Amino acid sequence: MQSHLERSWPADLPKATALRLVRDSEAVLRADATGDGRDRWPTVFGTSQAGAGTGAFSRLRIQAVIARRDGSSRQAVVHLVWAGADPGGSYAEMRVTDIYFTRTSTKGHSVWTPQPLH
């Protein structure tokens, strides 16, 4: 599945940037799906949701992931394919989530910030 994604959507970000976006997106997805770590992502979950309860999924597993530009050098999207068990215990694979990032520069340093989930 990973190689299919990479062949279908050619890389267009510097490798270090793509790796950072992938790592951050995996953490955002885990926070959203399980409820753990939401306080680390106030731009995504807000401050009122940061510590709010638990997410609906367990046994989360990332199956494939790629980071690519999203129309400009200041925007990127990370496409995640994942599996997890819902609250009823049903385990499903091939779930898809896209996490969008916006790049800002401060004092010559670029920061990629995840945007609220749709």
PDB file of N, CA and C in Angstrom:
ATOM      1  N   MET A   1       0.822  -1.177   0.000  1.00  0.00           N
ATOM      2  CA  MET A   1       0.000   0.000   0.000  1.00  0.00           C
ATOM      3  C   MET A   1       0.881   1.261   0.000  1.00  0.00           C
ATOM      4  N   GLN A   2       1.941   1.255   0.800  1.00  0.00           N
ATOM      5  CA  GLN A   2       2.845   2.406   0.879  1.00  0.00           C
ATOM      6  C   GLN A   2       3.467   2.692  -0.492  1.00  0.00           C
ATOM      7  N   SER A   3       3.972   1.670  -1.153  1.00  0.00           N
ATOM      8  CA  SER A   3       4.614   1.888  -2.447  1.00  0.00           C
ATOM      9  C   SER A   3       3.608   2.368  -3.494  1.00  0.00           C
ATOM     10  N   HIS A   4       2.367   1.912  -3.413  1.00  0.00           N
ATOM     11  CA  HIS A   4       1.342   2.366  -4.342  1.00  0.00           C
ATOM     12  C   HIS A   4       1.083   3.870  -4.165  1.00  0.00           C
ATOM     13  N   LEU A   5       0.976   4.326  -2.928  1.00  0.00           N
ATOM     14  CA  LEU A   5       0.795   5.754  -2.668  1.00  0.00           C
ATOM     15  C   LEU A   5       1.958   6.562  -3.222  1.00  0.00           C
ATOM     16  N   GLU A   6       3.170   6.109  -2.966  1.00  0.00           N
ATOM     17  CA  GLU A   6       4.350   6.838  -3.415  1.00  0.00           C
ATOM     18  C   GLU A   6       4.433   6.899  -4.937  1.00  0.00           C
ATOM     19  N   ARG A   7       4.064   5.826  -5.625  1.00  0.00           N
ATOM     20  CA  ARG A   7       4.071   5.827  -7.095  1.00  0.00           C
ATOM     21  C   ARG A   7       2.955   6.699  -7.658  1.00  0.00           C
ATOM     22  N   SER A   8       1.816   6.726  -6.997  1.00  0.00           N
ATOM     23  CA  SER A   8       0.663   7.472  -7.478  1.00  0.00           C
ATOM     24  C   SER A   8       0.796   8.982  -7.275  1.00  0.00           C
ATOM     25  N   TRP A   9       1.582   9.396  -6.298  1.00  0.00           N
ATOM     26  CA  TRP A   9       1.679  10.804  -5.940  1.00  0.00           C
ATOM     27  C   TRP A   9       3.155  11.128  -5.709  1.00  0.00           C
ATOM     28  N   PRO A  10       3.873  11.517  -6.766  1.00  0.00           N
ATOM     29  CA  PRO A  10       5.325  11.743  -6.673  1.00  0.00           C
ATOM     30  C   PRO A  10       5.704  12.762  -5.593  1.00  0.00           C
ATOM     31  N   ALA A  11       6.823  12.530  -4.952  1.00  0.00           N
ATOM     32  CA  ALA A  11       7.315  13.403  -3.885  1.00  0.00           C
ATOM     33  C   ALA A  11       7.590  14.803  -4.420  1.00  0.00           C
ATOM     34  N   ASP A  12       7.224  15.816  -3.645  1.00  0.00           N
ATOM     35  CA  ASP A  12       7.466  17.194  -4.054  1.00  0.00           C
ATOM     36  C   ASP A  12       7.865  18.093  -2.876  1.00  0.00           C
ATOM     37  N   LEU A  13       8.212  17.485  -1.765  1.00  0.00           N
ATOM     38  CA  LEU A  13       8.699  18.206  -0.591  1.00  0.00           C
ATOM     39  C   LEU A  13      10.119  17.720  -0.268  1.00  0.00           C
ATOM     40  N   PRO A  14      10.934  18.575   0.343  1.00  0.00           N
ATOM     41  CA  PRO A  14      12.228  18.086   0.818  1.00  0.00           C
ATOM     42  C   PRO A  14      12.007  16.916   1.782  1.00  0.00           C
ATOM     43  N   LYS A  15      12.885  15.931   1.722  1.00  0.00           N
ATOM     44  CA  LYS A  15      12.707  14.709   2.513  1.00  0.00           C
ATOM     45  C   LYS A  15      12.555  14.996   4.007  1.00  0.00           C
ATOM     46  N   ALA A  16      13.378  15.893   4.536  1.00  0.00           N
ATOM     47  CA  ALA A  16      13.299  16.202   5.974  1.00  0.00           C
ATOM     48  C   ALA A  16      11.948  16.818   6.326  1.00  0.00           C
ATOM     49  N   THR A  17      11.429  17.676   5.456  1.00  0.00           N
ATOM     50  CA  THR A  17      10.115  18.286   5.686  1.00  0.00           C
ATOM     51  C   THR A  17       9.026  17.229   5.649  1.00  0.00           C
ATOM     52  N   ALA A  18       9.068  16.367   4.647  1.00  0.00           N
ATOM     53  CA  ALA A  18       8.060  15.305   4.527  1.00  0.00           C
ATOM     54  C   ALA A  18       8.079  14.407   5.755  1.00  0.00           C
ATOM     55  N   LEU A  19       9.259  14.031   6.219  1.00  0.00           N
ATOM     56  CA  LEU A  19       9.354  13.166   7.405  1.00  0.00           C
ATOM     57  C   LEU A  19       8.780  13.841   8.640  1.00  0.00           C
ATOM     58  N   ARG A  20       9.044  15.126   8.797  1.00  0.00           N
ATOM     59  CA  ARG A  20       8.510  15.869   9.949  1.00  0.00           C
ATOM     60  C   ARG A  20       6.983  15.939   9.883  1.00  0.00           C
ATOM     61  N   LEU A  21       6.448  16.230   8.690  1.00  0.00           N
ATOM     62  CA  LEU A  21       4.994  16.302   8.534  1.00  0.00           C
ATOM     63  C   LEU A  21       4.337  14.949   8.781  1.00  0.00           C
ATOM     64  N   VAL A  22       4.967  13.878   8.322  1.00  0.00           N
ATOM     65  CA  VAL A  22       4.439  12.525   8.560  1.00  0.00           C
ATOM     66  C   VAL A  22       4.405  12.239  10.056  1.00  0.00           C
ATOM     67  N   ARG A  23       5.513  12.520  10.734  1.00  0.00           N
ATOM     68  CA  ARG A  23       5.581  12.253  12.185  1.00  0.00           C
ATOM     69  C   ARG A  23       4.509  13.046  12.938  1.00  0.00           C
ATOM     70  N   ASP A  24       4.380  14.331  12.604  1.00  0.00           N
ATOM     71  CA  ASP A  24       3.385  15.157  13.288  1.00  0.00           C
ATOM     72  C   ASP A  24       1.963  14.695  12.956  1.00  0.00           C
ATOM     73  N   SER A  25       1.726  14.323  11.716  1.00  0.00           N
ATOM     74  CA  SER A  25       0.385  13.863  11.321  1.00  0.00           C
ATOM     75  C   SER A  25      -0.003  12.578  12.028  1.00  0.00           C
ATOM     76  N   GLU A  26       0.937  11.678  12.175  1.00  0.00           N
ATOM     77  CA  GLU A  26       0.650  10.442  12.907  1.00  0.00           C
ATOM     78  C   GLU A  26       0.255  10.761  14.344  1.00  0.00           C
ATOM     79  N   ALA A  27       0.938  11.727  14.965  1.00  0.00           N
ATOM     80  CA  ALA A  27       0.608  12.113  16.337  1.00  0.00           C
ATOM     81  C   ALA A  27      -0.768  12.789  16.400  1.00  0.00           C
ATOM     82  N   VAL A  28      -1.090  13.636  15.419  1.00  0.00           N
ATOM     83  CA  VAL A  28      -2.406  14.282  15.384  1.00  0.00           C
ATOM     84  C   VAL A  28      -3.504  13.241  15.197  1.00  0.00           C
ATOM     85  N   LEU A  29      -3.288  12.295  14.284  1.00  0.00           N
ATOM     86  CA  LEU A  29      -4.292  11.244  14.066  1.00  0.00           C
ATOM     87  C   LEU A  29      -4.513  10.433  15.332  1.00  0.00           C
ATOM     88  N   ARG A  30      -3.432  10.042  16.006  1.00  0.00           N
ATOM     89  CA  ARG A  30      -3.570   9.275  17.250  1.00  0.00           C
ATOM     90  C   ARG A  30      -4.330  10.082  18.300  1.00  0.00           C
ATOM     91  N   ALA A  31      -4.016  11.366  18.398  1.00  0.00           N
ATOM     92  CA  ALA A  31      -4.719  12.220  19.365  1.00  0.00           C
ATOM     93  C   ALA A  31      -6.207  12.303  19.037  1.00  0.00           C
ATOM     94  N   ASP A  32      -6.529  12.442  17.763  1.00  0.00           N
ATOM     95  CA  ASP A  32      -7.923  12.527  17.352  1.00  0.00           C
ATOM     96  C   ASP A  32      -8.648  11.203  17.576  1.00  0.00           C
ATOM     97  N   ALA A  33      -8.034  10.120  17.144  1.00  0.00           N
ATOM     98  CA  ALA A  33      -8.701   8.813  17.193  1.00  0.00           C
ATOM     99  C   ALA A  33      -8.796   8.234  18.600  1.00  0.00           C
ATOM    100  N   THR A  34      -7.770   8.474  19.430  1.00  0.00           N
ATOM    101  CA  THR A  34      -7.749   7.850  20.753  1.00  0.00           C
ATOM    102  C   THR A  34      -8.023   8.827  21.901  1.00  0.00           C
ATOM    103  N   GLY A  35      -7.840  10.114  21.642  1.00  0.00           N
ATOM    104  CA  GLY A  35      -8.011  11.118  22.685  1.00  0.00           C
ATOM    105  C   GLY A  35      -6.728  11.445  23.416  1.00  0.00           C
ATOM    106  N   ASP A  36      -5.693  10.643  23.254  1.00  0.00           N
ATOM    107  CA  ASP A  36      -4.423  10.862  23.948  1.00  0.00           C
ATOM    108  C   ASP A  36      -3.561  11.882  23.208  1.00  0.00           C
ATOM    109  N   GLY A  37      -3.082  12.900  23.914  1.00  0.00           N
ATOM    110  CA  GLY A  37      -2.155  13.865  23.344  1.00  0.00           C
ATOM    111  C   GLY A  37      -2.789  15.059  22.664  1.00  0.00           C
ATOM    112  N   ARG A  38      -4.067  15.266  22.870  1.00  0.00           N
ATOM    113  CA  ARG A  38      -4.725  16.401  22.217  1.00  0.00           C
ATOM    114  C   ARG A  38      -4.177  17.746  22.689  1.00  0.00           C
ATOM    115  N   ASP A  39      -3.702  17.815  23.912  1.00  0.00           N
ATOM    116  CA  ASP A  39      -3.173  19.069  24.435  1.00  0.00           C
ATOM    117  C   ASP A  39      -1.936  19.536  23.676  1.00  0.00           C
ATOM    118  N   ARG A  40      -1.265  18.648  22.980  1.00  0.00           N
ATOM    119  CA  ARG A  40      -0.076  19.002  22.199  1.00  0.00           C
ATOM    120  C   ARG A  40      -0.444  19.759  20.917  1.00  0.00           C
ATOM    121  N   TRP A  41      -1.712  19.707  20.498  1.00  0.00           N
ATOM    122  CA  TRP A  41      -2.140  20.257  19.208  1.00  0.00           C
ATOM    123  C   TRP A  41      -3.300  21.249  19.367  1.00  0.00           C
ATOM    124  N   PRO A  42      -3.084  22.398  20.024  1.00  0.00           N
ATOM    125  CA  PRO A  42      -4.188  23.349  20.235  1.00  0.00           C
ATOM    126  C   PRO A  42      -4.734  23.934  18.932  1.00  0.00           C
ATOM    127  N   THR A  43      -3.922  24.011  17.862  1.00  0.00           N
ATOM    128  CA  THR A  43      -4.442  24.541  16.598  1.00  0.00           C
ATOM    129  C   THR A  43      -5.426  23.579  15.953  1.00  0.00           C
ATOM    130  N   VAL A  44      -5.353  22.315  16.325  1.00  0.00           N
ATOM    131  CA  VAL A  44      -6.247  21.299  15.759  1.00  0.00           C
ATOM    132  C   VAL A  44      -7.472  21.112  16.638  1.00  0.00           C
ATOM    133  N   PHE A  45      -7.254  20.972  17.935  1.00  0.00           N
ATOM    134  CA  PHE A  45      -8.333  20.606  18.850  1.00  0.00           C
ATOM    135  C   PHE A  45      -8.835  21.751  19.718  1.00  0.00           C
ATOM    136  N   GLY A  46      -8.156  22.891  19.701  1.00  0.00           N
ATOM    137  CA  GLY A  46      -8.528  24.004  20.569  1.00  0.00           C
ATOM    138  C   GLY A  46      -8.138  23.711  22.006  1.00  0.00           C
ATOM    139  N   THR A  47      -8.202  24.707  22.818  1.00  0.00           N
ATOM    140  CA  THR A  47      -7.809  24.510  24.212  1.00  0.00           C
ATOM    141  C   THR A  47      -8.899  23.840  25.028  1.00  0.00           C
ATOM    142  N   SER A  48     -10.164  24.026  24.649  1.00  0.00           N
ATOM    143  CA  SER A  48     -11.255  23.419  25.420  1.00  0.00           C
ATOM    144  C   SER A  48     -11.338  21.911  25.182  1.00  0.00           C
ATOM    145  N   GLN A  49     -10.895  21.430  24.019  1.00  0.00           N
ATOM    146  CA  GLN A  49     -10.957  20.000  23.717  1.00  0.00           C
ATOM    147  C   GLN A  49      -9.671  19.267  24.072  1.00  0.00           C
ATOM    148  N   ALA A  50      -8.623  20.013  24.381  1.00  0.00           N
ATOM    149  CA  ALA A  50      -7.310  19.410  24.564  1.00  0.00           C
ATOM    150  C   ALA A  50      -7.320  18.237  25.534  1.00  0.00           C
ATOM    151  N   GLY A  51      -7.971  18.391  26.661  1.00  0.00           N
ATOM    152  CA  GLY A  51      -7.985  17.303  27.621  1.00  0.00           C
ATOM    153  C   GLY A  51      -9.307  16.571  27.681  1.00  0.00           C
ATOM    154  N   ALA A  52     -10.175  16.851  26.733  1.00  0.00           N
ATOM    155  CA  ALA A  52     -11.532  16.311  26.770  1.00  0.00           C
ATOM    156  C   ALA A  52     -11.604  14.843  26.409  1.00  0.00           C
ATOM    157  N   GLY A  53     -11.947  14.032  27.358  1.00  0.00           N
ATOM    158  CA  GLY A  53     -12.273  12.624  27.132  1.00  0.00           C
ATOM    159  C   GLY A  53     -11.324  11.830  26.268  1.00  0.00           C
ATOM    160  N   THR A  54     -11.818  10.709  25.820  1.00  0.00           N
ATOM    161  CA  THR A  54     -11.025   9.855  24.959  1.00  0.00           C
ATOM    162  C   THR A  54     -11.672   9.778  23.589  1.00  0.00           C
ATOM    163  N   GLY A  55     -10.883   9.423  22.624  1.00  0.00           N
ATOM    164  CA  GLY A  55     -11.398   9.246  21.274  1.00  0.00           C
ATOM    165  C   GLY A  55     -12.164   7.945  21.172  1.00  0.00           C
ATOM    166  N   ALA A  56     -12.665   7.694  20.012  1.00  0.00           N
ATOM    167  CA  ALA A  56     -13.527   6.541  19.808  1.00  0.00           C
ATOM    168  C   ALA A  56     -12.773   5.271  19.418  1.00  0.00           C
ATOM    169  N   PHE A  57     -11.514   5.366  19.007  1.00  0.00           N
ATOM    170  CA  PHE A  57     -10.819   4.212  18.439  1.00  0.00           C
ATOM    171  C   PHE A  57      -9.731   3.663  19.344  1.00  0.00           C
ATOM    172  N   SER A  58      -9.486   2.376  19.185  1.00  0.00           N
ATOM    173  CA  SER A  58      -8.381   1.710  19.866  1.00  0.00           C
ATOM    174  C   SER A  58      -7.647   0.851  18.830  1.00  0.00           C
ATOM    175  N   ARG A  59      -6.545   0.279  19.223  1.00  0.00           N
ATOM    176  CA  ARG A  59      -5.732  -0.590  18.352  1.00  0.00           C
ATOM    177  C   ARG A  59      -5.414   0.090  17.017  1.00  0.00           C
ATOM    178  N   LEU A  60      -5.110   1.379  17.075  1.00  0.00           N
ATOM    179  CA  LEU A  60      -4.819   2.148  15.877  1.00  0.00           C
ATOM    180  C   LEU A  60      -3.489   1.709  15.261  1.00  0.00           C
ATOM    181  N   ARG A  61      -3.490   1.563  13.945  1.00  0.00           N
ATOM    182  CA  ARG A  61      -2.281   1.176  13.223  1.00  0.00           C
ATOM    183  C   ARG A  61      -2.241   1.959  11.913  1.00  0.00           C
ATOM    184  N   ILE A  62      -1.125   2.647  11.663  1.00  0.00           N
ATOM    185  CA  ILE A  62      -0.925   3.367  10.411  1.00  0.00           C
ATOM    186  C   ILE A  62      -0.493   2.350   9.357  1.00  0.00           C
ATOM    187  N   GLN A  63      -1.207   2.310   8.238  1.00  0.00           N
ATOM    188  CA  GLN A  63      -0.902   1.357   7.176  1.00  0.00           C
ATOM    189  C   GLN A  63      -0.036   1.968   6.085  1.00  0.00           C
ATOM    190  N   ALA A  64      -0.233   3.235   5.790  1.00  0.00           N
ATOM    191  CA  ALA A  64       0.556   3.941   4.776  1.00  0.00           C
ATOM    192  C   ALA A  64       0.385   5.435   5.008  1.00  0.00           C
ATOM    193  N   VAL A  65       1.404   6.197   4.615  1.00  0.00           N
ATOM    194  CA  VAL A  65       1.334   7.644   4.823  1.00  0.00           C
ATOM    195  C   VAL A  65       2.301   8.344   3.872  1.00  0.00           C
ATOM    196  N   ILE A  66       1.846   9.482   3.298  1.00  0.00           N
ATOM    197  CA  ILE A  66       2.718  10.323   2.482  1.00  0.00           C
ATOM    198  C   ILE A  66       2.386  11.787   2.743  1.00  0.00           C
ATOM    199  N   ALA A  67       3.397  12.637   2.608  1.00  0.00           N
ATOM    200  CA  ALA A  67       3.228  14.088   2.736  1.00  0.00           C
ATOM    201  C   ALA A  67       3.560  14.720   1.391  1.00  0.00           C
ATOM    202  N   ARG A  68       2.697  15.633   0.950  1.00  0.00           N
ATOM    203  CA  ARG A  68       2.883  16.301  -0.337  1.00  0.00           C
ATOM    204  C   ARG A  68       2.425  17.751  -0.243  1.00  0.00           C
ATOM    205  N   ARG A  69       2.886  18.579  -1.182  1.00  0.00           N
ATOM    206  CA  ARG A  69       2.410  19.964  -1.265  1.00  0.00           C
ATOM    207  C   ARG A  69       0.911  19.955  -1.556  1.00  0.00           C
ATOM    208  N   ASP A  70       0.266  21.013  -1.115  1.00  0.00           N
ATOM    209  CA  ASP A  70      -1.172  21.160  -1.385  1.00  0.00           C
ATOM    210  C   ASP A  70      -1.407  22.502  -2.068  1.00  0.00           C
ATOM    211  N   GLY A  71      -0.976  22.589  -3.308  1.00  0.00           N
ATOM    212  CA  GLY A  71      -1.240  23.771  -4.106  1.00  0.00           C
ATOM    213  C   GLY A  71      -0.231  24.893  -4.036  1.00  0.00           C
ATOM    214  N   SER A  72       0.558  24.966  -2.981  1.00  0.00           N
ATOM    215  CA  SER A  72       1.558  26.032  -2.877  1.00  0.00           C
ATOM    216  C   SER A  72       2.689  25.593  -1.962  1.00  0.00           C
ATOM    217  N   SER A  73       3.733  26.394  -1.927  1.00  0.00           N
ATOM    218  CA  SER A  73       4.866  26.058  -1.061  1.00  0.00           C
ATOM    219  C   SER A  73       4.547  26.292   0.409  1.00  0.00           C
ATOM    220  N   ARG A  74       3.422  26.951   0.703  1.00  0.00           N
ATOM    221  CA  ARG A  74       3.047  27.231   2.087  1.00  0.00           C
ATOM    222  C   ARG A  74       1.985  26.293   2.627  1.00  0.00           C
ATOM    223  N   GLN A  75       1.575  25.333   1.825  1.00  0.00           N
ATOM    224  CA  GLN A  75       0.566  24.385   2.287  1.00  0.00           C
ATOM    225  C   GLN A  75       0.985  22.961   1.925  1.00  0.00           C
ATOM    226  N   ALA A  76       0.632  22.041   2.808  1.00  0.00           N
ATOM    227  CA  ALA A  76       0.922  20.622   2.576  1.00  0.00           C
ATOM    228  C   ALA A  76      -0.241  19.797   3.104  1.00  0.00           C
ATOM    229  N   VAL A  77      -0.336  18.589   2.599  1.00  0.00           N
ATOM    230  CA  VAL A  77      -1.337  17.644   3.075  1.00  0.00           C
ATOM    231  C   VAL A  77      -0.632  16.312   3.326  1.00  0.00           C
ATOM    232  N   VAL A  78      -1.017  15.676   4.409  1.00  0.00           N
ATOM    233  CA  VAL A  78      -0.508  14.342   4.714  1.00  0.00           C
ATOM    234  C   VAL A  78      -1.675  13.384   4.597  1.00  0.00           C
ATOM    235  N   HIS A  79      -1.504  12.395   3.757  1.00  0.00           N
ATOM    236  CA  HIS A  79      -2.539  11.404   3.474  1.00  0.00           C
ATOM    237  C   HIS A  79      -2.201  10.145   4.272  1.00  0.00           C
ATOM    238  N   LEU A  80      -3.074   9.790   5.219  1.00  0.00           N
ATOM    239  CA  LEU A  80      -2.853   8.623   6.071  1.00  0.00           C
ATOM    240  C   LEU A  80      -3.896   7.558   5.787  1.00  0.00           C
ATOM    241  N   VAL A  81      -3.449   6.340   5.648  1.00  0.00           N
ATOM    242  CA  VAL A  81      -4.332   5.180   5.559  1.00  0.00           C
ATOM    243  C   VAL A  81      -4.078   4.399   6.846  1.00  0.00           C
ATOM    244  N   TRP A  82      -5.157   4.082   7.566  1.00  0.00           N
ATOM    245  CA  TRP A  82      -4.976   3.489   8.889  1.00  0.00           C
ATOM    246  C   TRP A  82      -6.067   2.480   9.212  1.00  0.00           C
ATOM    247  N   ALA A  83      -5.849   1.769  10.289  1.00  0.00           N
ATOM    248  CA  ALA A  83      -6.804   0.774  10.768  1.00  0.00           C
ATOM    249  C   ALA A  83      -7.018   1.002  12.258  1.00  0.00           C
ATOM    250  N   GLY A  84      -8.196   0.616  12.733  1.00  0.00           N
ATOM    251  CA  GLY A  84      -8.478   0.752  14.152  1.00  0.00           C
ATOM    252  C   GLY A  84      -9.803   0.123  14.514  1.00  0.00           C
ATOM    253  N   ALA A  85      -9.979  -0.095  15.807  1.00  0.00           N
ATOM    254  CA  ALA A  85     -11.222  -0.680  16.321  1.00  0.00           C
ATOM    255  C   ALA A  85     -12.127   0.448  16.816  1.00  0.00           C
ATOM    256  N   ASP A  86     -13.385   0.411  16.393  1.00  0.00           N
ATOM    257  CA  ASP A  86     -14.354   1.424  16.836  1.00  0.00           C
ATOM    258  C   ASP A  86     -14.837   1.084  18.243  1.00  0.00           C
ATOM    259  N   PRO A  87     -15.671   1.928  18.868  1.00  0.00           N
ATOM    260  CA  PRO A  87     -16.115   1.670  20.243  1.00  0.00           C
ATOM    261  C   PRO A  87     -16.805   0.324  20.433  1.00  0.00           C
ATOM    262  N   GLY A  88     -17.424  -0.206  19.387  1.00  0.00           N
ATOM    263  CA  GLY A  88     -18.073  -1.513  19.477  1.00  0.00           C
ATOM    264  C   GLY A  88     -17.111  -2.677  19.325  1.00  0.00           C
ATOM    265  N   GLY A  89     -15.832  -2.369  19.052  1.00  0.00           N
ATOM    266  CA  GLY A  89     -14.821  -3.416  18.920  1.00  0.00           C
ATOM    267  C   GLY A  89     -14.601  -3.903  17.498  1.00  0.00           C
ATOM    268  N   SER A  90     -15.350  -3.360  16.535  1.00  0.00           N
ATOM    269  CA  SER A  90     -15.166  -3.769  15.137  1.00  0.00           C
ATOM    270  C   SER A  90     -13.897  -3.144  14.588  1.00  0.00           C
ATOM    271  N   TYR A  91     -13.018  -3.984  14.093  1.00  0.00           N
ATOM    272  CA  TYR A  91     -11.742  -3.529  13.557  1.00  0.00           C
ATOM    273  C   TYR A  91     -11.877  -3.368  12.051  1.00  0.00           C
ATOM    274  N   ALA A  92     -11.504  -2.197  11.538  1.00  0.00           N
ATOM    275  CA  ALA A  92     -11.591  -1.944  10.097  1.00  0.00           C
ATOM    276  C   ALA A  92     -10.269  -1.373   9.602  1.00  0.00           C
ATOM    277  N   GLU A  93      -9.886  -1.787   8.419  1.00  0.00           N
ATOM    278  CA  GLU A  93      -8.676  -1.299   7.781  1.00  0.00           C
ATOM    279  C   GLU A  93      -9.040  -0.320   6.678  1.00  0.00           C
ATOM    280  N   MET A  94      -8.019   0.321   6.123  1.00  0.00           N
ATOM    281  CA  MET A  94      -8.162   1.222   4.974  1.00  0.00           C
ATOM    282  C   MET A  94      -8.995   2.468   5.270  1.00  0.00           C
ATOM    283  N   ARG A  95      -8.979   2.917   6.509  1.00  0.00           N
ATOM    284  CA  ARG A  95      -9.601   4.201   6.827  1.00  0.00           C
ATOM    285  C   ARG A  95      -8.657   5.280   6.290  1.00  0.00           C
ATOM    286  N   VAL A  96      -9.195   6.397   5.847  1.00  0.00           N
ATOM    287  CA  VAL A  96      -8.377   7.450   5.249  1.00  0.00           C
ATOM    288  C   VAL A  96      -8.616   8.770   5.969  1.00  0.00           C
ATOM    289  N   THR A  97      -7.517   9.455   6.295  1.00  0.00           N
ATOM    290  CA  THR A  97      -7.587  10.777   6.897  1.00  0.00           C
ATOM    291  C   THR A  97      -6.545  11.660   6.221  1.00  0.00           C
ATOM    292  N   ASP A  98      -6.925  12.877   5.879  1.00  0.00           N
ATOM    293  CA  ASP A  98      -5.990  13.872   5.366  1.00  0.00           C
ATOM    294  C   ASP A  98      -5.827  14.947   6.424  1.00  0.00           C
ATOM    295  N   ILE A  99      -4.570  15.278   6.718  1.00  0.00           N
ATOM    296  CA  ILE A  99      -4.271  16.336   7.673  1.00  0.00           C
ATOM    297  C   ILE A  99      -3.521  17.423   6.914  1.00  0.00           C
ATOM    298  N   TYR A 100      -4.042  18.645   7.005  1.00  0.00           N
ATOM    299  CA  TYR A 100      -3.495  19.775   6.271  1.00  0.00           C
ATOM    300  C   TYR A 100      -2.608  20.624   7.173  1.00  0.00           C
ATOM    301  N   PHE A 101      -1.551  21.172   6.584  1.00  0.00           N
ATOM    302  CA  PHE A 101      -0.596  22.020   7.299  1.00  0.00           C
ATOM    303  C   PHE A 101      -0.405  23.321   6.543  1.00  0.00           C
ATOM    304  N   THR A 102      -0.139  24.388   7.293  1.00  0.00           N
ATOM    305  CA  THR A 102       0.229  25.676   6.717  1.00  0.00           C
ATOM    306  C   THR A 102       1.606  26.043   7.260  1.00  0.00           C
ATOM    307  N   ARG A 103       2.456  26.541   6.350  1.00  0.00           N
ATOM    308  CA  ARG A 103       3.821  26.919   6.736  1.00  0.00           C
ATOM    309  C   ARG A 103       3.897  28.423   6.962  1.00  0.00           C
ATOM    310  N   THR A 104       4.496  28.784   8.084  1.00  0.00           N
ATOM    311  CA  THR A 104       4.777  30.185   8.371  1.00  0.00           C
ATOM    312  C   THR A 104       6.270  30.308   8.643  1.00  0.00           C
ATOM    313  N   SER A 105       6.794  31.492   8.433  1.00  0.00           N
ATOM    314  CA  SER A 105       8.213  31.745   8.703  1.00  0.00           C
ATOM    315  C   SER A 105       8.336  32.798   9.780  1.00  0.00           C
ATOM    316  N   THR A 106       9.138  32.494  10.776  1.00  0.00           N
ATOM    317  CA  THR A 106       9.405  33.425  11.859  1.00  0.00           C
ATOM    318  C   THR A 106      10.909  33.497  12.058  1.00  0.00           C
ATOM    319  N   LYS A 107      11.462  34.682  11.880  1.00  0.00           N
ATOM    320  CA  LYS A 107      12.900  34.895  12.062  1.00  0.00           C
ATOM    321  C   LYS A 107      13.720  33.907  11.237  1.00  0.00           C
ATOM    322  N   GLY A 108      13.289  33.680  10.004  1.00  0.00           N
ATOM    323  CA  GLY A 108      14.022  32.803   9.106  1.00  0.00           C
ATOM    324  C   GLY A 108      13.834  31.320   9.360  1.00  0.00           C
ATOM    325  N   HIS A 109      12.945  30.972  10.266  1.00  0.00           N
ATOM    326  CA  HIS A 109      12.693  29.578  10.621  1.00  0.00           C
ATOM    327  C   HIS A 109      11.274  29.195  10.197  1.00  0.00           C
ATOM    328  N   SER A 110      11.159  28.148   9.403  1.00  0.00           N
ATOM    329  CA  SER A 110       9.835  27.692   8.945  1.00  0.00           C
ATOM    330  C   SER A 110       9.173  26.789   9.973  1.00  0.00           C
ATOM    331  N   VAL A 111       7.887  27.014  10.179  1.00  0.00           N
ATOM    332  CA  VAL A 111       7.098  26.196  11.092  1.00  0.00           C
ATOM    333  C   VAL A 111       5.870  25.696  10.331  1.00  0.00           C
ATOM    334  N   TRP A 112       5.653  24.387  10.361  1.00  0.00           N
ATOM    335  CA  TRP A 112       4.459  23.795   9.753  1.00  0.00           C
ATOM    336  C   TRP A 112       3.438  23.550  10.854  1.00  0.00           C
ATOM    337  N   THR A 113       2.247  24.135  10.711  1.00  0.00           N
ATOM    338  CA  THR A 113       1.208  24.053  11.732  1.00  0.00           C
ATOM    339  C   THR A 113       0.028  23.253  11.201  1.00  0.00           C
ATOM    340  N   PRO A 114      -0.379  22.190  11.911  1.00  0.00           N
ATOM    341  CA  PRO A 114      -1.556  21.447  11.468  1.00  0.00           C
ATOM    342  C   PRO A 114      -2.808  22.287  11.635  1.00  0.00           C
ATOM    343  N   GLN A 115      -3.717  22.149  10.691  1.00  0.00           N
ATOM    344  CA  GLN A 115      -4.965  22.899  10.684  1.00  0.00           C
ATOM    345  C   GLN A 115      -6.073  22.059  11.337  1.00  0.00           C
ATOM    346  N   PRO A 116      -7.147  22.714  11.794  1.00  0.00           N
ATOM    347  CA  PRO A 116      -8.247  21.954  12.395  1.00  0.00           C
ATOM    348  C   PRO A 116      -8.746  20.857  11.433  1.00  0.00           C
ATOM    349  N   LEU A 117      -9.110  19.728  11.996  1.00  0.00           N
ATOM    350  CA  LEU A 117      -9.605  18.619  11.194  1.00  0.00           C
ATOM    351  C   LEU A 117     -11.001  18.929  10.697  1.00  0.00           C
ATOM    352  N   HIS A 118     -11.293  18.483   9.510  1.00  0.00           N
ATOM    353  CA  HIS A 118     -12.613  18.746   8.886  1.00  0.00           C
ATOM    354  C   HIS A 118     -13.619  17.718   9.342  1.00  0.00           C
TER     355      HIS A 118
END
